[in-house]
Amino acid sequence: MNMNIRFIIGFVVLVATFNSCQTTSTPASPEKLKSELFAVEKEFCAMAQSESVEKAFVYFAADSAVVLRRSQLLIG
């Protein structure tokens, strides 16, 4: 179970990193970004526990997400 949580946290951090590359007119403070990231991470973990990890990934994935599953490419 620890490995799954580490994977989930790593994935959320990776997604947040890619999303943070978008430019804004007023940059958010690092503390605000950190608190937002932790809030989303908590939501993701709660949904993964109450529903399933798969449903949590689908819910939190970006519209442009790409997944390779059993040699089949799933987009969006």
PDB file of N, CA and C in Angstrom:
ATOM      1  N   MET A   1       0.822  -1.201   0.000  1.00  0.00           N
ATOM      2  CA  MET A   1       0.000   0.000   0.000  1.00  0.00           C
ATOM      3  C   MET A   1       0.858   1.254   0.000  1.00  0.00           C
ATOM      4  N   ASN A   2       1.999   1.223   0.716  1.00  0.00           N
ATOM      5  CA  ASN A   2       2.878   2.388   0.743  1.00  0.00           C
ATOM      6  C   ASN A   2       3.382   2.739  -0.632  1.00  0.00           C
ATOM      7  N   MET A   3       3.663   1.716  -1.450  1.00  0.00           N
ATOM      8  CA  MET A   3       4.169   1.969  -2.793  1.00  0.00           C
ATOM      9  C   MET A   3       3.098   2.666  -3.628  1.00  0.00           C
ATOM     10  N   ASN A   4       1.838   2.274  -3.473  1.00  0.00           N
ATOM     11  CA  ASN A   4       0.749   2.918  -4.218  1.00  0.00           C
ATOM     12  C   ASN A   4       0.614   4.384  -3.831  1.00  0.00           C
ATOM     13  N   ILE A   5       0.711   4.675  -2.548  1.00  0.00           N
ATOM     14  CA  ILE A   5       0.578   6.057  -2.088  1.00  0.00           C
ATOM     15  C   ILE A   5       1.747   6.884  -2.596  1.00  0.00           C
ATOM     16  N   ARG A   6       2.954   6.312  -2.579  1.00  0.00           N
ATOM     17  CA  ARG A   6       4.112   7.033  -3.111  1.00  0.00           C
ATOM     18  C   ARG A   6       3.934   7.316  -4.595  1.00  0.00           C
ATOM     19  N   PHE A   7       3.423   6.340  -5.329  1.00  0.00           N
ATOM     20  CA  PHE A   7       3.176   6.527  -6.756  1.00  0.00           C
ATOM     21  C   PHE A   7       2.149   7.619  -6.979  1.00  0.00           C
ATOM     22  N   ILE A   8       1.075   7.596  -6.217  1.00  0.00           N
ATOM     23  CA  ILE A   8       0.007   8.586  -6.350  1.00  0.00           C
ATOM     24  C   ILE A   8       0.546   9.981  -6.051  1.00  0.00           C
ATOM     25  N   ILE A   9       1.283  10.109  -4.962  1.00  0.00           N
ATOM     26  CA  ILE A   9       1.833  11.412  -4.595  1.00  0.00           C
ATOM     27  C   ILE A   9       2.798  11.898  -5.670  1.00  0.00           C
ATOM     28  N   GLY A  10       3.641  10.998  -6.164  1.00  0.00           N
ATOM     29  CA  GLY A  10       4.566  11.367  -7.231  1.00  0.00           C
ATOM     30  C   GLY A  10       3.842  11.820  -8.483  1.00  0.00           C
ATOM     31  N   PHE A  11       2.767  11.131  -8.835  1.00  0.00           N
ATOM     32  CA  PHE A  11       1.990  11.494 -10.020  1.00  0.00           C
ATOM     33  C   PHE A  11       1.359  12.872  -9.842  1.00  0.00           C
ATOM     34  N   VAL A  12       0.781  13.117  -8.680  1.00  0.00           N
ATOM     35  CA  VAL A  12       0.140  14.410  -8.425  1.00  0.00           C
ATOM     36  C   VAL A  12       1.173  15.535  -8.491  1.00  0.00           C
ATOM     37  N   VAL A  13       2.344  15.302  -7.912  1.00  0.00           N
ATOM     38  CA  VAL A  13       3.399  16.314  -7.954  1.00  0.00           C
ATOM     39  C   VAL A  13       3.844  16.553  -9.395  1.00  0.00           C
ATOM     40  N   LEU A  14       3.969  15.487 -10.169  1.00  0.00           N
ATOM     41  CA  LEU A  14       4.358  15.625 -11.570  1.00  0.00           C
ATOM     42  C   LEU A  14       3.330  16.432 -12.355  1.00  0.00           C
ATOM     43  N   VAL A  15       2.055  16.130 -12.168  1.00  0.00           N
ATOM     44  CA  VAL A  15       0.992  16.863 -12.860  1.00  0.00           C
ATOM     45  C   VAL A  15       0.995  18.330 -12.429  1.00  0.00           C
ATOM     46  N   ALA A  16       1.167  18.567 -11.145  1.00  0.00           N
ATOM     47  CA  ALA A  16       1.195  19.949 -10.652  1.00  0.00           C
ATOM     48  C   ALA A  16       2.389  20.705 -11.227  1.00  0.00           C
ATOM     49  N   THR A  17       3.504  20.018 -11.381  1.00  0.00           N
ATOM     50  CA  THR A  17       4.688  20.660 -11.950  1.00  0.00           C
ATOM     51  C   THR A  17       4.433  21.077 -13.389  1.00  0.00           C
ATOM     52  N   PHE A  18       3.840  20.191 -14.173  1.00  0.00           N
ATOM     53  CA  PHE A  18       3.545  20.537 -15.559  1.00  0.00           C
ATOM     54  C   PHE A  18       2.524  21.668 -15.649  1.00  0.00           C
ATOM     55  N   ASN A  19       1.534  21.645 -14.772  1.00  0.00           N
ATOM     56  CA  ASN A  19       0.530  22.710 -14.780  1.00  0.00           C
ATOM     57  C   ASN A  19       1.104  24.046 -14.329  1.00  0.00           C
ATOM     58  N   SER A  20       2.137  24.019 -13.512  1.00  0.00           N
ATOM     59  CA  SER A  20       2.717  25.267 -13.032  1.00  0.00           C
ATOM     60  C   SER A  20       3.536  25.981 -14.093  1.00  0.00           C
ATOM     61  N   CYS A  21       3.799  25.313 -15.204  1.00  0.00           N
ATOM     62  CA  CYS A  21       4.573  25.938 -16.286  1.00  0.00           C
ATOM     63  C   CYS A  21       3.757  26.979 -17.052  1.00  0.00           C
ATOM     64  N   GLN A  22       2.467  27.021 -16.835  1.00  0.00           N
ATOM     65  CA  GLN A  22       1.636  28.008 -17.504  1.00  0.00           C
ATOM     66  C   GLN A  22       1.940  29.378 -16.910  1.00  0.00           C
ATOM     67  N   THR A  23       2.036  30.377 -17.784  1.00  0.00           N
ATOM     68  CA  THR A  23       2.345  31.719 -17.294  1.00  0.00           C
ATOM     69  C   THR A  23       1.065  32.449 -16.903  1.00  0.00           C
ATOM     70  N   THR A  24       1.173  33.252 -15.871  1.00  0.00           N
ATOM     71  CA  THR A  24       0.056  34.079 -15.423  1.00  0.00           C
ATOM     72  C   THR A  24       0.557  35.510 -15.284  1.00  0.00           C
ATOM     73  N   SER A  25      -0.360  36.451 -15.256  1.00  0.00           N
ATOM     74  CA  SER A  25       0.041  37.843 -15.152  1.00  0.00           C
ATOM     75  C   SER A  25       0.590  38.175 -13.761  1.00  0.00           C
ATOM     76  N   THR A  26       0.023  37.570 -12.720  1.00  0.00           N
ATOM     77  CA  THR A  26       0.540  37.771 -11.365  1.00  0.00           C
ATOM     78  C   THR A  26       0.914  36.401 -10.801  1.00  0.00           C
ATOM     79  N   PRO A  27       2.188  36.147 -10.609  1.00  0.00           N
ATOM     80  CA  PRO A  27       2.591  34.831 -10.114  1.00  0.00           C
ATOM     81  C   PRO A  27       2.111  34.604  -8.683  1.00  0.00           C
ATOM     82  N   ALA A  28       1.663  33.388  -8.434  1.00  0.00           N
ATOM     83  CA  ALA A  28       1.200  33.038  -7.095  1.00  0.00           C
ATOM     84  C   ALA A  28       2.401  32.800  -6.193  1.00  0.00           C
ATOM     85  N   SER A  29       2.213  33.013  -4.928  1.00  0.00           N
ATOM     86  CA  SER A  29       3.304  32.808  -3.977  1.00  0.00           C
ATOM     87  C   SER A  29       3.579  31.310  -3.836  1.00  0.00           C
ATOM     88  N   PRO A  30       4.819  30.945  -3.550  1.00  0.00           N
ATOM     89  CA  PRO A  30       5.142  29.528  -3.365  1.00  0.00           C
ATOM     90  C   PRO A  30       4.317  28.879  -2.255  1.00  0.00           C
ATOM     91  N   GLU A  31       4.034  29.615  -1.200  1.00  0.00           N
ATOM     92  CA  GLU A  31       3.246  29.059  -0.104  1.00  0.00           C
ATOM     93  C   GLU A  31       1.813  28.759  -0.547  1.00  0.00           C
ATOM     94  N   LYS A  32       1.240  29.646  -1.354  1.00  0.00           N
ATOM     95  CA  LYS A  32      -0.123  29.415  -1.850  1.00  0.00           C
ATOM     96  C   LYS A  32      -0.149  28.193  -2.763  1.00  0.00           C
ATOM     97  N   LEU A  33       0.829  28.093  -3.647  1.00  0.00           N
ATOM     98  CA  LEU A  33       0.900  26.939  -4.542  1.00  0.00           C
ATOM     99  C   LEU A  33       1.084  25.650  -3.758  1.00  0.00           C
ATOM    100  N   LYS A  34       1.910  25.689  -2.740  1.00  0.00           N
ATOM    101  CA  LYS A  34       2.149  24.514  -1.918  1.00  0.00           C
ATOM    102  C   LYS A  34       0.872  24.085  -1.201  1.00  0.00           C
ATOM    103  N   SER A  35       0.125  25.044  -0.674  1.00  0.00           N
ATOM    104  CA  SER A  35      -1.113  24.698   0.029  1.00  0.00           C
ATOM    105  C   SER A  35      -2.164  24.148  -0.932  1.00  0.00           C
ATOM    106  N   GLU A  36      -2.224  24.713  -2.148  1.00  0.00           N
ATOM    107  CA  GLU A  36      -3.156  24.192  -3.154  1.00  0.00           C
ATOM    108  C   GLU A  36      -2.785  22.766  -3.542  1.00  0.00           C
ATOM    109  N   LEU A  37      -1.491  22.519  -3.713  1.00  0.00           N
ATOM    110  CA  LEU A  37      -1.032  21.182  -4.071  1.00  0.00           C
ATOM    111  C   LEU A  37      -1.379  20.171  -2.987  1.00  0.00           C
ATOM    112  N   PHE A  38      -1.137  20.530  -1.735  1.00  0.00           N
ATOM    113  CA  PHE A  38      -1.465  19.620  -0.647  1.00  0.00           C
ATOM    114  C   PHE A  38      -2.971  19.378  -0.551  1.00  0.00           C
ATOM    115  N   ALA A  39      -3.767  20.396  -0.824  1.00  0.00           N
ATOM    116  CA  ALA A  39      -5.223  20.231  -0.781  1.00  0.00           C
ATOM    117  C   ALA A  39      -5.688  19.262  -1.863  1.00  0.00           C
ATOM    118  N   VAL A  40      -5.168  19.424  -3.075  1.00  0.00           N
ATOM    119  CA  VAL A  40      -5.548  18.519  -4.166  1.00  0.00           C
ATOM    120  C   VAL A  40      -5.049  17.114  -3.877  1.00  0.00           C
ATOM    121  N   GLU A  41      -3.864  17.004  -3.335  1.00  0.00           N
ATOM    122  CA  GLU A  41      -3.306  15.699  -2.988  1.00  0.00           C
ATOM    123  C   GLU A  41      -4.180  14.984  -1.969  1.00  0.00           C
ATOM    124  N   LYS A  42      -4.667  15.723  -0.968  1.00  0.00           N
ATOM    125  CA  LYS A  42      -5.564  15.141   0.029  1.00  0.00           C
ATOM    126  C   LYS A  42      -6.876  14.675  -0.613  1.00  0.00           C
ATOM    127  N   GLU A  43      -7.421  15.491  -1.518  1.00  0.00           N
ATOM    128  CA  GLU A  43      -8.648  15.115  -2.214  1.00  0.00           C
ATOM    129  C   GLU A  43      -8.430  13.848  -3.033  1.00  0.00           C
ATOM    130  N   PHE A  44      -7.290  13.802  -3.733  1.00  0.00           N
ATOM    131  CA  PHE A  44      -6.977  12.634  -4.557  1.00  0.00           C
ATOM    132  C   PHE A  44      -6.878  11.380  -3.690  1.00  0.00           C
ATOM    133  N   CYS A  45      -6.145  11.462  -2.597  1.00  0.00           N
ATOM    134  CA  CYS A  45      -5.974  10.308  -1.707  1.00  0.00           C
ATOM    135  C   CYS A  45      -7.306   9.862  -1.109  1.00  0.00           C
ATOM    136  N   ALA A  46      -8.128  10.820  -0.719  1.00  0.00           N
ATOM    137  CA  ALA A  46      -9.438  10.476  -0.149  1.00  0.00           C
ATOM    138  C   ALA A  46     -10.303   9.758  -1.178  1.00  0.00           C
ATOM    139  N   MET A  47     -10.300  10.250  -2.411  1.00  0.00           N
ATOM    140  CA  MET A  47     -11.096   9.602  -3.453  1.00  0.00           C
ATOM    141  C   MET A  47     -10.538   8.229  -3.795  1.00  0.00           C
ATOM    142  N   ALA A  48      -9.222   8.101  -3.802  1.00  0.00           N
ATOM    143  CA  ALA A  48      -8.597   6.808  -4.091  1.00  0.00           C
ATOM    144  C   ALA A  48      -8.969   5.780  -3.034  1.00  0.00           C
ATOM    145  N   GLN A  49      -9.093   6.212  -1.791  1.00  0.00           N
ATOM    146  CA  GLN A  49      -9.475   5.295  -0.723  1.00  0.00           C
ATOM    147  C   GLN A  49     -10.966   4.990  -0.728  1.00  0.00           C
ATOM    148  N   SER A  50     -11.791   5.986  -0.979  1.00  0.00           N
ATOM    149  CA  SER A  50     -13.241   5.777  -0.909  1.00  0.00           C
ATOM    150  C   SER A  50     -13.801   5.137  -2.174  1.00  0.00           C
ATOM    151  N   GLU A  51     -13.252   5.489  -3.320  1.00  0.00           N
ATOM    152  CA  GLU A  51     -13.741   4.947  -4.589  1.00  0.00           C
ATOM    153  C   GLU A  51     -12.764   3.879  -5.082  1.00  0.00           C
ATOM    154  N   SER A  52     -11.773   4.308  -5.836  1.00  0.00           N
ATOM    155  CA  SER A  52     -10.683   3.444  -6.298  1.00  0.00           C
ATOM    156  C   SER A  52      -9.592   4.349  -6.868  1.00  0.00           C
ATOM    157  N   VAL A  53      -8.395   3.796  -6.965  1.00  0.00           N
ATOM    158  CA  VAL A  53      -7.281   4.567  -7.513  1.00  0.00           C
ATOM    159  C   VAL A  53      -7.577   4.924  -8.966  1.00  0.00           C
ATOM    160  N   GLU A  54      -8.137   3.989  -9.716  1.00  0.00           N
ATOM    161  CA  GLU A  54      -8.448   4.244 -11.120  1.00  0.00           C
ATOM    162  C   GLU A  54      -9.430   5.405 -11.273  1.00  0.00           C
ATOM    163  N   LYS A  55     -10.497   5.410 -10.482  1.00  0.00           N
ATOM    164  CA  LYS A  55     -11.475   6.499 -10.565  1.00  0.00           C
ATOM    165  C   LYS A  55     -10.854   7.839 -10.174  1.00  0.00           C
ATOM    166  N   ALA A  56      -9.957   7.820  -9.201  1.00  0.00           N
ATOM    167  CA  ALA A  56      -9.296   9.058  -8.783  1.00  0.00           C
ATOM    168  C   ALA A  56      -8.410   9.594  -9.901  1.00  0.00           C
ATOM    169  N   PHE A  57      -7.660   8.713 -10.573  1.00  0.00           N
ATOM    170  CA  PHE A  57      -6.824   9.165 -11.682  1.00  0.00           C
ATOM    171  C   PHE A  57      -7.674   9.733 -12.809  1.00  0.00           C
ATOM    172  N   VAL A  58      -8.778   9.076 -13.129  1.00  0.00           N
ATOM    173  CA  VAL A  58      -9.647   9.562 -14.202  1.00  0.00           C
ATOM    174  C   VAL A  58     -10.231  10.923 -13.833  1.00  0.00           C
ATOM    175  N   TYR A  59     -10.664  11.078 -12.597  1.00  0.00           N
ATOM    176  CA  TYR A  59     -11.282  12.328 -12.161  1.00  0.00           C
ATOM    177  C   TYR A  59     -10.283  13.484 -12.172  1.00  0.00           C
ATOM    178  N   PHE A  60      -9.060  13.242 -11.687  1.00  0.00           N
ATOM    179  CA  PHE A  60      -8.083  14.312 -11.547  1.00  0.00           C
ATOM    180  C   PHE A  60      -7.198  14.509 -12.770  1.00  0.00           C
ATOM    181  N   ALA A  61      -7.287  13.646 -13.760  1.00  0.00           N
ATOM    182  CA  ALA A  61      -6.446  13.777 -14.954  1.00  0.00           C
ATOM    183  C   ALA A  61      -6.894  14.968 -15.796  1.00  0.00           C
ATOM    184  N   ALA A  62      -5.939  15.592 -16.444  1.00  0.00           N
ATOM    185  CA  ALA A  62      -6.247  16.711 -17.338  1.00  0.00           C
ATOM    186  C   ALA A  62      -6.962  16.185 -18.577  1.00  0.00           C
ATOM    187  N   ASP A  63      -7.695  17.075 -19.249  1.00  0.00           N
ATOM    188  CA  ASP A  63      -8.389  16.682 -20.480  1.00  0.00           C
ATOM    189  C   ASP A  63      -7.421  16.198 -21.554  1.00  0.00           C
ATOM    190  N   SER A  64      -6.188  16.648 -21.478  1.00  0.00           N
ATOM    191  CA  SER A  64      -5.192  16.274 -22.475  1.00  0.00           C
ATOM    192  C   SER A  64      -4.333  15.086 -22.027  1.00  0.00           C
ATOM    193  N   ALA A  65      -4.741  14.394 -20.975  1.00  0.00           N
ATOM    194  CA  ALA A  65      -3.959  13.269 -20.465  1.00  0.00           C
ATOM    195  C   ALA A  65      -3.897  12.141 -21.483  1.00  0.00           C
ATOM    196  N   VAL A  66      -2.766  11.455 -21.514  1.00  0.00           N
ATOM    197  CA  VAL A  66      -2.559  10.324 -22.412  1.00  0.00           C
ATOM    198  C   VAL A  66      -2.132   9.127 -21.575  1.00  0.00           C
ATOM    199  N   VAL A  67      -2.804   7.976 -21.775  1.00  0.00           N
ATOM    200  CA  VAL A  67      -2.507   6.768 -21.012  1.00  0.00           C
ATOM    201  C   VAL A  67      -2.258   5.628 -21.991  1.00  0.00           C
ATOM    202  N   LEU A  68      -1.224   4.845 -21.726  1.00  0.00           N
ATOM    203  CA  LEU A  68      -0.951   3.653 -22.514  1.00  0.00           C
ATOM    204  C   LEU A  68      -1.328   2.452 -21.662  1.00  0.00           C
ATOM    205  N   ARG A  69      -2.368   1.742 -22.055  1.00  0.00           N
ATOM    206  CA  ARG A  69      -2.858   0.603 -21.296  1.00  0.00           C
ATOM    207  C   ARG A  69      -2.973  -0.606 -22.215  1.00  0.00           C
ATOM    208  N   ARG A  70      -2.209  -1.649 -21.877  1.00  0.00           N
ATOM    209  CA  ARG A  70      -2.222  -2.891 -22.659  1.00  0.00           C
ATOM    210  C   ARG A  70      -2.049  -2.627 -24.153  1.00  0.00           C
ATOM    211  N   SER A  71      -1.050  -1.861 -24.478  1.00  0.00           N
ATOM    212  CA  SER A  71      -0.714  -1.500 -25.871  1.00  0.00           C
ATOM    213  C   SER A  71      -1.803  -0.682 -26.566  1.00  0.00           C
ATOM    214  N   GLN A  72      -2.706  -0.118 -25.802  1.00  0.00           N
ATOM    215  CA  GLN A  72      -3.757   0.721 -26.363  1.00  0.00           C
ATOM    216  C   GLN A  72      -3.572   2.144 -25.815  1.00  0.00           C
ATOM    217  N   LEU A  73      -3.553   3.118 -26.709  1.00  0.00           N
ATOM    218  CA  LEU A  73      -3.355   4.511 -26.332  1.00  0.00           C
ATOM    219  C   LEU A  73      -4.714   5.158 -26.085  1.00  0.00           C
ATOM    220  N   LEU A  74      -4.898   5.698 -24.873  1.00  0.00           N
ATOM    221  CA  LEU A  74      -6.137   6.376 -24.503  1.00  0.00           C
ATOM    222  C   LEU A  74      -5.834   7.855 -24.342  1.00  0.00           C
ATOM    223  N   ILE A  75      -6.555   8.706 -25.064  1.00  0.00           N
ATOM    224  CA  ILE A  75      -6.327  10.146 -25.011  1.00  0.00           C
ATOM    225  C   ILE A  75      -7.570  10.833 -24.466  1.00  0.00           C
ATOM    226  N   GLY A  76      -7.349  11.746 -23.487  1.00  0.00           N
ATOM    227  CA  GLY A  76      -8.432  12.544 -22.941  1.00  0.00           C
ATOM    228  C   GLY A  76      -9.246  11.900 -21.898  1.00  0.00           C
TER     229      GLY A  76
END
